Amino acid sequence: MVVVITAGILVAELLGGWWSGSLALLADAGHMFSDLGALAISWFALWFSGRPATSSKSFGYYRMEILCALANGVLLAVLALVVFAVGWTRLQSPPEVRTTAMIWVAVLGLSANLVAVAVLRPSARHSLNVRSALAHLIGDTLSSLGVIAGGVTMAFTGWYLVDPLLSMLIAVIILVNAWRLIREAVDVLLEATPGGLDAEKVARSMAEVSGVHQVHDLHIWSITSGMPALSGHVVATDEPGLSQDQLLNRVKQMLLERYHIEHTTLQVESPAYEEVGHVH
């Protein structure tokens, strides 16, 4: 449904921007086009990432979602730079704009964007790729509001310089969303500690588990958005009657309940164990 709505409004804004002569409305249409591409890429990524793991790709295809989110961010950034450049050239001699057509098309676009945001928002918490599509739509919603305000201003004042200025403002909004999306995708690809998790705090919590003497070589990363993973070495105490399996389950249970980390790989060691090779 979101794709159909987006495609329909894209056509309306392209025709409305051409008819009214509004660069701001055309910029909004360009953002809508990127929305449509983002939704298509998102659906492809979600379908592809569901393929089963293989012996050569033991984690499966979860990272396809992140790669597609990165592509969405780059697409947004390029679009923003193009719109800003065209707006800058129009500042020298802003053309007259048919404000009535501009305003009504922008109102139609705003209504469609609000519906699309409401549909996607519940799923955005658990998927970076859906968040990327939602970022496109939220940016376009703000753009539509700006286009309406600009159209009303030009209708009452005849100050057509508002149109290129507004298109440049839309470009900046798009660029900010693109930067946030690119940064989040790159963090996952670089296996940075997921947002909301403090590796030092997690290590202290593990060390406080009964039977744990020390924790070292701890790594926390994301396989994909909403799927944190952890690996580390746990040095056991000499607690009588405590097996390695019991200690392992204590630590894993704490990580699951307190930090919602389900995918864990832990090596349990005795205090006398000497490491072989380089560990970091």
Protein backbone atom coordinates (compact mmCIF):
# COMPACT_ATOMS: atom_id res chain seq x y z
CA MET A 1 0.00 0.00 0.00
CA VAL A 2 2.84 2.40 0.89
CA VAL A 3 4.49 1.84 -2.50
CA VAL A 4 1.25 2.55 -4.38
CA ILE A 5 0.64 5.74 -2.39
CA THR A 6 4.23 6.91 -2.89
CA ALA A 7 4.20 6.21 -6.64
CA GLY A 8 0.92 8.07 -7.07
CA ILE A 9 2.11 11.16 -5.21
CA LEU A 10 5.42 11.09 -7.10
CA VAL A 11 3.58 11.44 -10.41
CA ALA A 12 1.32 14.17 -9.00
CA GLU A 13 4.27 16.19 -7.65
CA LEU A 14 6.27 15.86 -10.87
CA LEU A 15 3.35 17.14 -12.92
CA GLY A 16 2.48 19.78 -10.33
CA GLY A 17 6.08 20.97 -10.09
CA TRP A 18 6.38 21.21 -13.86
CA TRP A 19 3.05 23.04 -14.23
CA SER A 20 3.57 25.45 -11.34
CA GLY A 21 7.26 26.08 -12.05
CA SER A 22 8.15 25.31 -8.41
CA LEU A 23 11.63 23.92 -7.80
CA ALA A 24 10.63 23.22 -4.18
CA LEU A 25 7.80 20.98 -5.36
CA LEU A 26 10.11 19.25 -7.84
CA ALA A 27 12.62 18.78 -5.01
CA ASP A 28 9.85 17.22 -2.96
CA ALA A 29 9.08 14.95 -5.93
CA GLY A 30 12.75 13.99 -6.12
CA HIS A 31 12.66 13.09 -2.45
CA MET A 32 9.50 11.09 -3.10
CA PHE A 33 11.32 9.24 -5.89
CA SER A 34 14.08 8.34 -3.42
CA ASP A 35 11.33 7.19 -1.02
CA LEU A 36 10.03 4.86 -3.69
CA GLY A 37 13.52 3.49 -4.34
CA ALA A 38 14.11 3.10 -0.61
CA LEU A 39 10.92 1.09 -0.18
CA ALA A 40 11.77 -1.15 -3.13
CA ILE A 41 15.31 -1.73 -1.82
CA SER A 42 13.96 -2.34 1.69
CA TRP A 43 11.56 -5.03 0.54
CA PHE A 44 14.27 -6.67 -1.53
CA ALA A 45 16.68 -6.64 1.42
CA LEU A 46 14.12 -8.08 3.84
CA TRP A 47 13.31 -10.86 1.36
CA PHE A 48 16.96 -11.59 0.58
CA SER A 49 18.10 -11.52 4.23
CA GLY A 50 15.58 -14.26 5.00
CA ARG A 51 17.50 -16.79 2.91
CA PRO A 52 19.05 -19.60 4.99
CA ALA A 53 22.70 -19.62 6.02
CA THR A 54 25.20 -21.75 4.11
CA SER A 55 28.55 -23.31 4.96
CA SER A 56 30.33 -20.38 3.28
CA LYS A 57 28.00 -17.72 4.75
CA SER A 58 27.44 -18.99 8.25
CA PHE A 59 25.63 -15.82 9.39
CA GLY A 60 23.31 -15.94 6.41
CA TYR A 61 22.42 -12.80 4.46
CA TYR A 62 21.44 -10.49 7.31
CA ARG A 63 24.02 -7.89 6.29
CA MET A 64 22.22 -7.39 2.97
CA GLU A 65 19.79 -5.23 4.94
CA ILE A 66 22.68 -3.03 6.12
CA LEU A 67 24.21 -2.74 2.65
CA CYS A 68 20.86 -1.64 1.24
CA ALA A 69 20.41 0.88 4.05
CA LEU A 70 23.84 2.30 3.19
CA ALA A 71 22.83 2.55 -0.47
CA ASN A 72 19.67 4.40 0.59
CA GLY A 73 21.74 6.89 2.56
CA VAL A 74 24.10 7.55 -0.34
CA LEU A 75 21.13 8.01 -2.69
CA LEU A 76 19.64 10.58 -0.33
CA ALA A 77 22.93 12.48 -0.07
CA VAL A 78 23.39 12.69 -3.85
CA LEU A 79 19.80 13.86 -4.30
CA ALA A 80 20.25 16.56 -1.63
CA LEU A 81 23.40 17.92 -3.26
CA VAL A 82 21.74 18.11 -6.69
CA VAL A 83 18.68 19.94 -5.32
CA PHE A 84 20.89 22.38 -3.39
CA ALA A 85 22.96 23.16 -6.50
CA VAL A 86 19.89 23.85 -8.65
CA GLY A 87 18.37 26.00 -5.90
CA TRP A 88 21.58 28.01 -5.67
CA THR A 89 21.50 28.81 -9.40
CA ARG A 90 17.85 29.90 -9.16
CA LEU A 91 18.66 32.42 -6.45
CA GLN A 92 20.07 34.75 -9.11
CA SER A 93 16.76 35.02 -10.98
CA PRO A 94 13.83 33.19 -9.33
CA PRO A 95 11.01 32.45 -11.81
CA GLU A 96 7.35 33.09 -11.16
CA VAL A 97 5.47 30.20 -9.52
CA ARG A 98 1.80 29.18 -9.87
CA THR A 99 1.20 29.01 -6.15
CA THR A 100 -2.35 27.58 -6.14
CA ALA A 101 -1.33 24.40 -7.97
CA MET A 102 1.82 24.18 -5.85
CA ILE A 103 -0.10 24.36 -2.57
CA TRP A 104 -2.79 21.81 -3.48
CA VAL A 105 -0.30 19.26 -4.76
CA ALA A 106 1.82 19.73 -1.63
CA VAL A 107 -1.25 19.19 0.59
CA LEU A 108 -1.96 15.95 -1.29
CA GLY A 109 1.66 14.86 -0.82
CA LEU A 110 1.56 15.70 2.89
CA SER A 111 -1.58 13.60 3.42
CA ALA A 112 -0.06 10.62 1.63
CA ASN A 113 3.19 10.89 3.58
CA LEU A 114 1.39 10.93 6.91
CA VAL A 115 -0.47 7.73 5.99
CA ALA A 116 2.78 6.05 4.86
CA VAL A 117 4.62 7.06 8.06
CA ALA A 118 1.80 5.63 10.19
CA VAL A 119 2.00 2.32 8.29
CA LEU A 120 5.79 1.91 8.55
CA ARG A 121 6.46 3.30 12.02
CA PRO A 122 5.56 0.16 14.06
CA SER A 123 8.12 -1.93 12.12
CA ALA A 124 10.93 0.65 12.21
CA ARG A 125 12.14 -0.20 15.73
CA HIS A 126 13.40 -3.62 14.71
CA SER A 127 14.90 -2.97 11.27
CA LEU A 128 17.53 -0.49 10.12
CA ASN A 129 16.32 -0.86 6.57
CA VAL A 130 12.72 -0.02 7.50
CA ARG A 131 14.08 2.91 9.53
CA SER A 132 15.89 4.08 6.41
CA ALA A 133 12.63 4.01 4.44
CA LEU A 134 10.88 5.79 7.31
CA ALA A 135 13.63 8.44 7.36
CA HIS A 136 12.90 9.13 3.69
CA LEU A 137 9.19 9.51 4.42
CA ILE A 138 9.63 11.73 7.49
CA GLY A 139 11.97 13.99 5.54
CA ASP A 140 9.42 14.19 2.74
CA THR A 141 6.65 14.99 5.22
CA LEU A 142 8.67 17.94 6.52
CA SER A 143 9.38 18.94 2.92
CA SER A 144 5.67 18.96 2.09
CA LEU A 145 4.96 21.17 5.11
CA GLY A 146 7.65 23.57 3.96
CA VAL A 147 6.32 23.63 0.41
CA ILE A 148 2.82 24.48 1.67
CA ALA A 149 4.18 27.29 3.86
CA GLY A 150 6.29 28.59 1.00
CA GLY A 151 3.38 28.49 -1.43
CA VAL A 152 1.16 30.45 0.94
CA THR A 153 3.92 33.02 1.50
CA MET A 154 4.48 33.52 -2.23
CA ALA A 155 0.74 33.73 -2.88
CA PHE A 156 0.36 36.65 -0.46
CA THR A 157 3.68 38.45 -1.02
CA GLY A 158 4.81 37.57 -4.55
CA TRP A 159 8.31 37.01 -3.18
CA TYR A 160 9.36 34.13 -5.46
CA LEU A 161 12.83 33.93 -3.93
CA VAL A 162 11.11 31.73 -1.31
CA ASP A 163 10.98 28.83 -3.80
CA PRO A 164 14.75 28.30 -4.33
CA LEU A 165 15.43 29.03 -0.65
CA LEU A 166 12.86 26.45 0.33
CA SER A 167 14.32 23.87 -2.06
CA MET A 168 17.77 24.41 -0.49
CA LEU A 169 16.30 23.99 2.99
CA ILE A 170 14.68 20.72 1.91
CA ALA A 171 18.07 19.61 0.58
CA VAL A 172 19.70 20.27 3.96
CA ILE A 173 17.00 18.26 5.76
CA ILE A 174 17.52 15.38 3.33
CA LEU A 175 21.30 15.54 3.81
CA VAL A 176 21.02 15.38 7.62
CA ASN A 177 18.83 12.27 7.41
CA ALA A 178 21.25 10.73 4.92
CA TRP A 179 24.24 11.33 7.19
CA ARG A 180 22.54 9.70 10.17
CA LEU A 181 21.56 6.69 8.10
CA ILE A 182 25.04 6.28 6.57
CA ARG A 183 26.70 6.58 9.97
CA GLU A 184 24.46 3.92 11.52
CA ALA A 185 24.99 1.51 8.60
CA VAL A 186 28.77 2.02 8.65
CA ASP A 187 28.84 1.36 12.41
CA VAL A 188 27.21 -2.03 11.83
CA LEU A 189 29.60 -2.86 8.99
CA LEU A 190 32.59 -1.87 11.15
CA GLU A 191 31.17 -4.04 13.95
CA ALA A 192 31.01 -1.17 16.41
CA THR A 193 29.30 -1.69 19.75
CA PRO A 194 25.54 -1.28 19.15
CA GLY A 195 23.91 1.92 20.29
CA GLY A 196 22.44 1.64 23.77
CA LEU A 197 25.06 -0.88 24.92
CA ASP A 198 28.16 -0.01 26.94
CA ALA A 199 30.83 -2.69 26.57
CA GLU A 200 32.51 -1.78 29.87
CA LYS A 201 29.20 -1.95 31.72
CA VAL A 202 28.41 -5.33 30.15
CA ALA A 203 31.86 -6.62 31.18
CA ARG A 204 31.30 -5.48 34.79
CA SER A 205 27.90 -7.18 34.86
CA MET A 206 29.46 -10.42 33.62
CA ALA A 207 32.23 -10.20 36.24
CA GLU A 208 29.60 -9.79 38.99
CA VAL A 209 27.98 -13.15 38.15
CA SER A 210 28.64 -15.70 40.89
CA GLY A 211 31.48 -17.99 39.83
CA VAL A 212 33.15 -15.48 37.49
CA HIS A 213 36.62 -14.28 38.43
CA GLN A 214 37.41 -12.13 35.41
CA VAL A 215 36.21 -11.24 31.91
CA HIS A 216 38.54 -10.33 29.04
CA ASP A 217 38.68 -10.03 25.25
CA LEU A 218 35.03 -8.95 25.14
CA HIS A 219 33.50 -8.00 21.78
CA ILE A 220 29.95 -6.76 21.15
CA TRP A 221 28.65 -6.04 17.66
CA SER A 222 25.54 -6.25 15.52
CA ILE A 223 24.97 -8.97 12.93
CA THR A 224 22.20 -6.74 11.58
CA SER A 225 19.91 -4.12 13.12
CA GLY A 226 18.26 -5.45 16.27
CA MET A 227 20.48 -8.54 16.41
CA PRO A 228 23.39 -7.93 18.82
CA ALA A 229 26.09 -10.56 19.26
CA LEU A 230 28.77 -11.04 21.91
CA SER A 231 31.95 -13.05 22.31
CA GLY A 232 34.40 -13.12 25.19
CA HIS A 233 36.55 -15.10 27.61
CA VAL A 234 35.27 -15.84 31.12
CA VAL A 235 37.76 -16.85 33.80
CA ALA A 236 36.02 -19.04 36.40
CA THR A 237 36.63 -19.03 40.14
CA ASP A 238 37.40 -22.19 42.10
CA GLU A 239 33.84 -22.43 43.43
CA PRO A 240 33.30 -26.01 44.62
CA GLY A 241 30.75 -28.04 42.67
CA LEU A 242 30.30 -25.44 39.92
CA SER A 243 30.60 -26.93 36.43
CA GLN A 244 31.54 -24.95 33.34
CA ASP A 245 28.09 -25.59 31.89
CA GLN A 246 26.40 -24.12 34.97
CA LEU A 247 28.62 -21.04 34.89
CA LEU A 248 28.06 -20.60 31.18
CA ASN A 249 24.29 -20.68 31.63
CA ARG A 250 24.46 -18.16 34.48
CA VAL A 251 26.32 -15.65 32.31
CA LYS A 252 24.20 -16.26 29.22
CA GLN A 253 20.98 -15.90 31.23
CA MET A 254 22.14 -12.58 32.68
CA LEU A 255 23.09 -11.26 29.21
CA LEU A 256 19.73 -12.24 27.80
CA GLU A 257 17.62 -10.83 30.63
CA ARG A 258 19.54 -7.61 31.28
CA TYR A 259 20.89 -6.68 27.84
CA HIS A 260 18.73 -8.75 25.45
CA ILE A 261 21.81 -10.32 23.87
CA GLU A 262 20.86 -13.79 22.70
CA HIS A 263 23.69 -14.66 20.29
CA THR A 264 26.71 -15.23 22.57
CA THR A 265 29.96 -17.19 22.22
CA LEU A 266 31.84 -17.55 25.49
CA GLN A 267 35.06 -19.37 26.32
CA VAL A 268 35.26 -20.48 29.94
CA GLU A 269 38.78 -20.71 31.37
CA SER A 270 40.35 -21.72 34.66
CA PRO A 271 42.58 -19.21 36.51
CA ALA A 272 45.62 -21.28 35.52
CA TYR A 273 44.82 -21.31 31.80
CA GLU A 274 47.54 -19.84 29.55
CA GLU A 275 46.40 -18.36 26.26
CA VAL A 276 47.80 -19.75 23.00
CA GLY A 277 48.37 -17.21 20.25
CA HIS A 278 47.39 -13.55 20.15
CA VAL A 279 44.02 -12.60 21.64
CA HIS A 280 42.51 -9.10 21.50
